[in-house]
């Protein structure tokens, strides 16, 4: 595997996009690396910064914010149509910094496992803690129930109750998982041809879970490999969030359940699941309303808090 494409979706994130691109320019890897930035109608100076300081980046400027899935798909469609086609695609958040061995390490993790369709690194936050979303189980009815009623938080070391974020496992152990997070995921182009592009029904959140679910349904494996550690700034604040991002988060839950679990779940349980999602959404909106209002912008909607 000697040819990789990197796709970064940007929305008003020029300040963090710059160090991300700088880290990609310093990779210790002897293959070809094509870096794509899709700008989702940013109002900041992101586009000018990329053009002026990173002329080698392939830039796509969308006239409107079309969301995470559709935005990434603008680049992914062109990548799979190219000749020669890259052998792998790394979907990456702009608020990440990739170590110099990042690309080579992720490629090695994929190549050494012929059945692996997607691999993801260990993601650490600015304070050094683990980004829990970097390795997950699918949110089945049972797993979702444990999260909604708080058992996963009460018993994080339980293999049963801590399944969603796999908090019972050592974060430094390489593990086959259900899903990794869209902040940093390397997949074979062959997988992309098999399962298709990101589902644009997901505006933001949930699309990575769906992509991994479809990948596994085609017989491919998904792996978490902590031998590569990527810094994920993942801005978290106690100040007020944009209401549309909260609604999109819970919409993603509904879409995922409807798409993958509703048909095989008893009707009364489906009703309870959708009720639970609605109650959690209302709780989040009220809690958000009570937070102090500060001068804070959303990055691009694809920070994974699920």
Protein backbone atom coordinates (compact mmCIF):
# COMPACT_ATOMS: atom_id res chain seq x y z
CA UNK A 1 0.00 0.00 0.00
CA UNK A 2 1.92 3.00 -1.33
CA UNK A 3 -0.80 5.51 -2.20
CA UNK A 4 -3.12 7.05 0.39
CA UNK A 5 -5.63 9.88 0.15
CA UNK A 6 -6.54 11.97 3.20
CA UNK A 7 -9.91 13.73 3.31
CA UNK A 8 -10.48 16.56 5.80
CA UNK A 9 -13.84 18.27 6.11
CA UNK A 10 -13.53 21.84 7.34
CA UNK A 11 -16.07 24.31 8.65
CA UNK A 12 -14.74 27.53 10.19
CA UNK A 13 -11.77 25.64 11.62
CA UNK A 14 -8.81 27.40 10.08
CA UNK A 15 -6.98 27.75 13.40
CA UNK A 16 -6.89 23.99 13.98
CA UNK A 17 -6.76 22.99 10.33
CA UNK A 18 -3.39 24.69 9.91
CA UNK A 19 -1.46 22.52 12.43
CA UNK A 20 -3.31 19.45 11.14
CA UNK A 21 -2.08 20.07 7.59
CA UNK A 22 1.39 20.92 8.87
CA UNK A 23 1.53 17.53 10.62
CA UNK A 24 0.59 15.77 7.39
CA UNK A 25 3.36 17.60 5.56
CA UNK A 26 5.89 16.10 8.01
CA UNK A 27 4.99 12.43 7.67
CA UNK A 28 7.79 9.89 7.74
CA UNK A 29 6.35 7.75 4.96
CA UNK A 30 7.78 6.89 1.57
CA UNK A 31 4.47 6.50 -0.25
CA UNK A 32 2.31 8.98 -2.10
CA UNK A 33 0.00 11.06 0.09
CA UNK A 34 -2.81 13.06 -1.53
CA UNK A 35 -4.45 15.48 0.91
CA UNK A 36 -7.94 16.80 0.18
CA UNK A 37 -9.69 19.56 2.11
CA UNK A 38 -13.41 20.02 1.60
CA UNK A 39 -14.55 23.38 2.92
CA UNK A 40 -18.20 23.46 3.97
CA UNK A 41 -18.88 27.16 3.25
CA UNK A 42 -16.66 28.52 6.02
CA UNK A 43 -17.03 32.17 6.96
CA UNK A 44 -13.50 32.39 8.35
CA UNK A 45 -10.22 32.57 6.43
CA UNK A 46 -9.83 28.78 6.07
CA UNK A 47 -9.96 28.69 2.28
CA UNK A 48 -7.49 31.55 1.85
CA UNK A 49 -5.14 29.97 4.40
CA UNK A 50 -5.12 26.63 2.57
CA UNK A 51 -4.55 28.28 -0.81
CA UNK A 52 -1.76 30.51 0.45
CA UNK A 53 0.10 28.20 2.83
CA UNK A 54 -0.71 24.69 1.59
CA UNK A 55 -0.84 24.96 -2.17
CA UNK A 56 -0.20 21.20 -2.51
CA UNK A 57 -3.57 20.43 -0.89
CA UNK A 58 -6.45 19.57 -3.22
CA UNK A 59 -9.19 21.96 -2.18
CA UNK A 60 -12.92 21.64 -2.79
CA UNK A 61 -15.08 24.59 -1.75
CA UNK A 62 -18.76 23.88 -1.19
CA UNK A 63 -21.06 26.90 -1.56
CA UNK A 64 -23.13 25.70 1.41
CA UNK A 65 -22.72 23.65 4.56
CA UNK A 66 -24.00 20.26 3.42
CA UNK A 67 -22.96 18.30 6.50
CA UNK A 68 -20.28 15.77 7.34
CA UNK A 69 -21.34 12.88 5.11
CA UNK A 70 -22.18 14.87 2.00
CA UNK A 71 -19.12 17.08 2.43
CA UNK A 72 -16.70 14.16 2.66
CA UNK A 73 -18.45 12.47 -0.24
CA UNK A 74 -17.53 15.39 -2.52
CA UNK A 75 -13.90 14.27 -2.24
CA UNK A 76 -14.54 10.53 -1.95
CA UNK A 77 -16.38 10.44 -5.30
CA UNK A 78 -13.41 12.04 -7.04
CA UNK A 79 -10.92 9.79 -5.28
CA UNK A 80 -12.53 6.51 -6.34
CA UNK A 81 -12.84 7.81 -9.93
CA UNK A 82 -9.16 8.71 -10.20
CA UNK A 83 -6.52 6.75 -12.06
CA UNK A 84 -4.43 5.56 -10.34
CA UNK A 85 -6.84 5.16 -7.45
CA UNK A 86 -5.37 5.43 -3.95
CA UNK A 87 -5.27 2.10 -2.15
CA UNK A 88 -6.61 3.62 1.07
CA UNK A 89 -8.48 6.67 2.28
CA UNK A 90 -7.97 8.34 5.65
CA UNK A 91 -10.95 10.39 6.81
CA UNK A 92 -9.57 12.91 9.28
CA UNK A 93 -10.90 15.75 11.42
CA UNK A 94 -9.24 19.15 11.11
CA UNK A 95 -8.87 19.32 14.90
CA UNK A 96 -6.29 16.52 14.94
CA UNK A 97 -2.50 16.43 14.87
CA UNK A 98 -0.98 13.33 13.29
CA UNK A 99 2.45 12.19 14.55
CA UNK A 100 5.20 11.71 11.98
CA UNK A 101 4.69 7.93 12.06
CA UNK A 102 0.91 8.21 11.89
CA UNK A 103 0.32 7.41 8.23
CA UNK A 104 2.91 4.63 8.10
CA UNK A 105 1.57 3.13 11.33
CA UNK A 106 -2.06 3.10 10.20
CA UNK A 107 -1.09 1.66 6.82
CA UNK A 108 0.89 -1.09 8.55
CA UNK A 109 -2.07 -1.85 10.81
CA UNK A 110 -4.28 -2.30 7.77
CA UNK A 111 -1.80 -4.23 5.62
CA UNK A 112 -0.91 -6.76 8.31
CA UNK A 113 -4.57 -7.77 8.62
CA UNK A 114 -5.89 -8.85 5.21
CA UNK A 115 -9.47 -9.00 6.52
CA UNK A 116 -9.34 -5.55 8.07
CA UNK A 117 -11.37 -3.05 6.09
CA UNK A 118 -11.03 -0.11 8.49
CA UNK A 119 -8.49 0.76 11.18
CA UNK A 120 -8.44 3.58 13.65
CA UNK A 121 -5.79 4.94 16.04
CA UNK A 122 -5.84 5.74 19.71
CA UNK A 123 -7.18 9.28 20.06
CA UNK A 124 -6.15 11.36 23.04
CA UNK A 125 -7.59 14.70 24.07
CA UNK A 126 -5.59 17.82 24.86
CA UNK A 127 -5.52 16.88 28.55
CA UNK A 128 -4.02 13.46 27.73
CA UNK A 129 -7.18 11.47 28.43
CA UNK A 130 -8.59 8.92 26.01
CA UNK A 131 -11.24 10.04 23.53
CA UNK A 132 -13.73 7.29 24.40
CA UNK A 133 -15.34 7.41 20.97
CA UNK A 134 -12.25 5.95 19.28
CA UNK A 135 -13.44 2.37 19.92
CA UNK A 136 -17.08 1.43 20.28
CA UNK A 137 -19.70 -1.27 20.07
CA UNK A 138 -22.78 -0.78 17.95
CA UNK A 139 -25.69 0.85 19.84
CA UNK A 140 -28.02 -2.13 19.83
CA UNK A 141 -31.22 -1.88 21.88
CA UNK A 142 -29.48 -3.49 24.87
CA UNK A 143 -26.35 -1.34 24.66
CA UNK A 144 -28.42 1.82 24.17
CA UNK A 145 -30.55 0.96 27.19
CA UNK A 146 -27.50 0.65 29.44
CA UNK A 147 -26.34 4.09 28.31
CA UNK A 148 -29.73 5.75 28.64
CA UNK A 149 -30.35 4.55 32.20
CA UNK A 150 -26.78 5.28 33.29
CA UNK A 151 -25.49 1.78 33.93
CA UNK A 152 -22.55 2.30 31.55
CA UNK A 153 -21.44 5.29 33.63
CA UNK A 154 -21.99 3.50 36.95
CA UNK A 155 -20.15 0.33 35.90
CA UNK A 156 -17.57 1.35 33.26
CA UNK A 157 -15.41 -1.74 33.96
CA UNK A 158 -18.24 -4.15 33.33
CA UNK A 159 -17.95 -6.06 30.02
CA UNK A 160 -21.74 -6.00 29.88
CA UNK A 161 -22.60 -2.44 30.88
CA UNK A 162 -19.44 -0.76 29.52
CA UNK A 163 -19.74 -2.23 26.05
CA UNK A 164 -20.51 0.90 24.06
CA UNK A 165 -17.21 2.71 24.72
CA UNK A 166 -15.45 -0.54 25.68
CA UNK A 167 -14.31 1.07 28.92
CA UNK A 168 -13.58 -2.36 30.39
CA UNK A 169 -10.63 -2.87 28.01
CA UNK A 170 -7.08 -1.57 28.30
CA UNK A 171 -6.83 1.36 25.84
CA UNK A 172 -3.30 0.28 24.89
CA UNK A 173 -4.37 -3.13 23.59
CA UNK A 174 -5.05 -3.64 19.87
CA UNK A 175 -8.62 -4.87 19.52
CA UNK A 176 -11.11 -5.82 16.85
CA UNK A 177 -14.15 -3.61 17.46
CA UNK A 178 -17.54 -2.83 16.02
CA UNK A 179 -16.73 0.77 15.20
CA UNK A 180 -14.12 3.49 15.41
CA UNK A 181 -14.75 7.21 15.07
CA UNK A 182 -14.81 9.41 11.96
CA UNK A 183 -12.24 11.76 13.45
CA UNK A 184 -9.53 9.39 12.15
CA UNK A 185 -10.32 6.25 10.19
CA UNK A 186 -8.29 4.60 7.45
CA UNK A 187 -10.19 2.30 5.09
CA UNK A 188 -9.26 0.31 2.05
CA UNK A 189 -10.54 1.80 -1.21
CA UNK A 190 -11.80 -1.71 -1.95
CA UNK A 191 -14.11 -1.38 1.05
CA UNK A 192 -15.30 1.98 -0.20
CA UNK A 193 -16.25 0.35 -3.50
CA UNK A 194 -18.01 -2.50 -1.67
CA UNK A 195 -20.09 -0.58 0.85
CA UNK A 196 -20.45 2.78 -0.87
CA UNK A 197 -19.99 6.33 0.33
CA UNK A 198 -21.09 7.84 3.62
CA UNK A 199 -24.86 7.84 4.07
CA UNK A 200 -26.00 11.43 3.57
CA UNK A 201 -29.10 10.85 5.69
CA UNK A 202 -26.71 11.57 8.58
CA UNK A 203 -25.98 15.31 8.57
CA UNK A 204 -23.45 14.94 11.36
CA UNK A 205 -22.88 12.21 13.95
CA UNK A 206 -23.64 8.54 13.42
CA UNK A 207 -22.30 8.26 9.89
CA UNK A 208 -19.11 6.60 11.11
CA UNK A 209 -21.07 3.98 13.06
CA UNK A 210 -23.17 3.33 9.96
CA UNK A 211 -20.09 3.03 7.73
CA UNK A 212 -18.50 0.51 10.10
CA UNK A 213 -21.76 -1.42 10.37
CA UNK A 214 -22.00 -1.72 6.60
CA UNK A 215 -18.31 -2.63 6.36
CA UNK A 216 -18.73 -5.52 8.80
CA UNK A 217 -21.88 -6.66 6.99
CA UNK A 218 -19.70 -7.22 3.91
CA UNK A 219 -17.39 -9.49 5.91
CA UNK A 220 -14.62 -6.98 6.61
CA UNK A 221 -13.17 -6.37 10.07
CA UNK A 222 -12.78 -3.08 11.96
CA UNK A 223 -9.71 -2.66 14.18
CA UNK A 224 -8.58 -0.24 16.87
CA UNK A 225 -4.77 0.00 16.93
CA UNK A 226 -3.21 2.13 19.71
CA UNK A 227 0.29 1.82 18.28
CA UNK A 228 -0.61 5.08 16.54
CA UNK A 229 -1.74 7.89 18.84
CA UNK A 230 -3.33 11.00 17.34
CA UNK A 231 -4.07 14.18 19.26
CA UNK A 232 -7.73 15.17 18.99
CA UNK A 233 -8.48 18.63 20.32
CA UNK A 234 -12.22 17.91 20.24
CA UNK A 235 -13.33 21.18 21.71
CA UNK A 236 -15.43 20.59 24.76
CA UNK A 237 -16.96 23.46 26.64
CA UNK A 238 -19.34 24.07 29.49
CA UNK A 239 -20.77 26.95 27.49
CA UNK A 240 -23.83 26.76 25.29
CA UNK A 241 -23.82 24.58 22.17
CA UNK A 242 -25.61 25.27 18.92
CA UNK A 243 -29.11 23.77 19.13
CA UNK A 244 -28.94 22.29 15.60
CA UNK A 245 -25.91 20.20 16.59
CA UNK A 246 -27.78 18.78 19.58
CA UNK A 247 -30.77 17.92 17.42
CA UNK A 248 -28.49 16.35 14.79
CA UNK A 249 -26.89 14.19 17.49
CA UNK A 250 -30.21 12.66 18.53
CA UNK A 251 -31.48 12.52 14.96
CA UNK A 252 -28.48 10.32 14.18
CA UNK A 253 -29.55 7.91 16.93
CA UNK A 254 -33.01 7.64 15.42
CA UNK A 255 -31.71 7.18 11.89
CA UNK A 256 -29.25 4.47 12.92
CA UNK A 257 -31.82 2.50 14.89
CA UNK A 258 -34.43 2.81 12.16
CA UNK A 259 -31.96 1.69 9.50
CA UNK A 260 -30.32 -1.24 11.27
CA UNK A 261 -32.44 -2.42 14.21
CA UNK A 262 -36.06 -1.39 13.93
CA UNK A 263 -37.14 -4.26 11.64
CA UNK A 264 -35.77 -6.90 14.01
CA UNK A 265 -36.91 -5.27 17.26
CA UNK A 266 -40.31 -5.79 18.89
CA UNK A 267 -42.67 -2.85 18.32
CA UNK A 268 -43.08 -1.99 22.05
CA UNK A 269 -39.30 -1.92 22.47
CA UNK A 270 -38.92 0.29 19.40
CA UNK A 271 -41.43 2.68 20.94
CA UNK A 272 -39.48 2.76 24.22
CA UNK A 273 -36.20 3.36 22.39
CA UNK A 274 -37.56 6.31 20.44
CA UNK A 275 -39.17 7.69 23.59
CA UNK A 276 -35.87 7.36 25.43
CA UNK A 277 -34.02 9.21 22.65
CA UNK A 278 -36.64 11.99 22.71
CA UNK A 279 -36.39 12.36 26.49
CA UNK A 280 -32.59 12.48 26.35
CA UNK A 281 -32.80 15.09 23.60
CA UNK A 282 -35.13 17.30 25.65
CA UNK A 283 -32.87 16.91 28.66
CA UNK A 284 -29.84 17.94 26.60
CA UNK A 285 -31.66 20.96 25.18
CA UNK A 286 -32.76 22.15 28.63
CA UNK A 287 -29.30 21.58 30.11
CA UNK A 288 -27.76 23.46 27.19
CA UNK A 289 -30.20 26.34 27.67
CA UNK A 290 -29.11 26.72 31.29
CA UNK A 291 -25.44 26.94 30.41
CA UNK A 292 -23.81 30.37 30.12
CA UNK A 293 -23.83 31.92 26.68
CA UNK A 294 -20.31 32.55 25.43
CA UNK A 295 -18.64 33.60 22.23
CA UNK A 296 -18.11 30.13 20.84
CA UNK A 297 -18.53 28.64 17.40
CA UNK A 298 -19.09 25.06 16.36
CA UNK A 299 -16.15 23.57 14.46
CA UNK A 300 -17.77 21.46 11.77
CA UNK A 301 -20.23 19.24 13.53
CA UNK A 302 -18.22 16.05 13.21
CA UNK A 303 -16.61 15.91 16.63
CA UNK A 304 -17.73 12.56 17.93
CA UNK A 305 -19.27 12.76 21.35
CA UNK A 306 -21.35 9.59 20.93
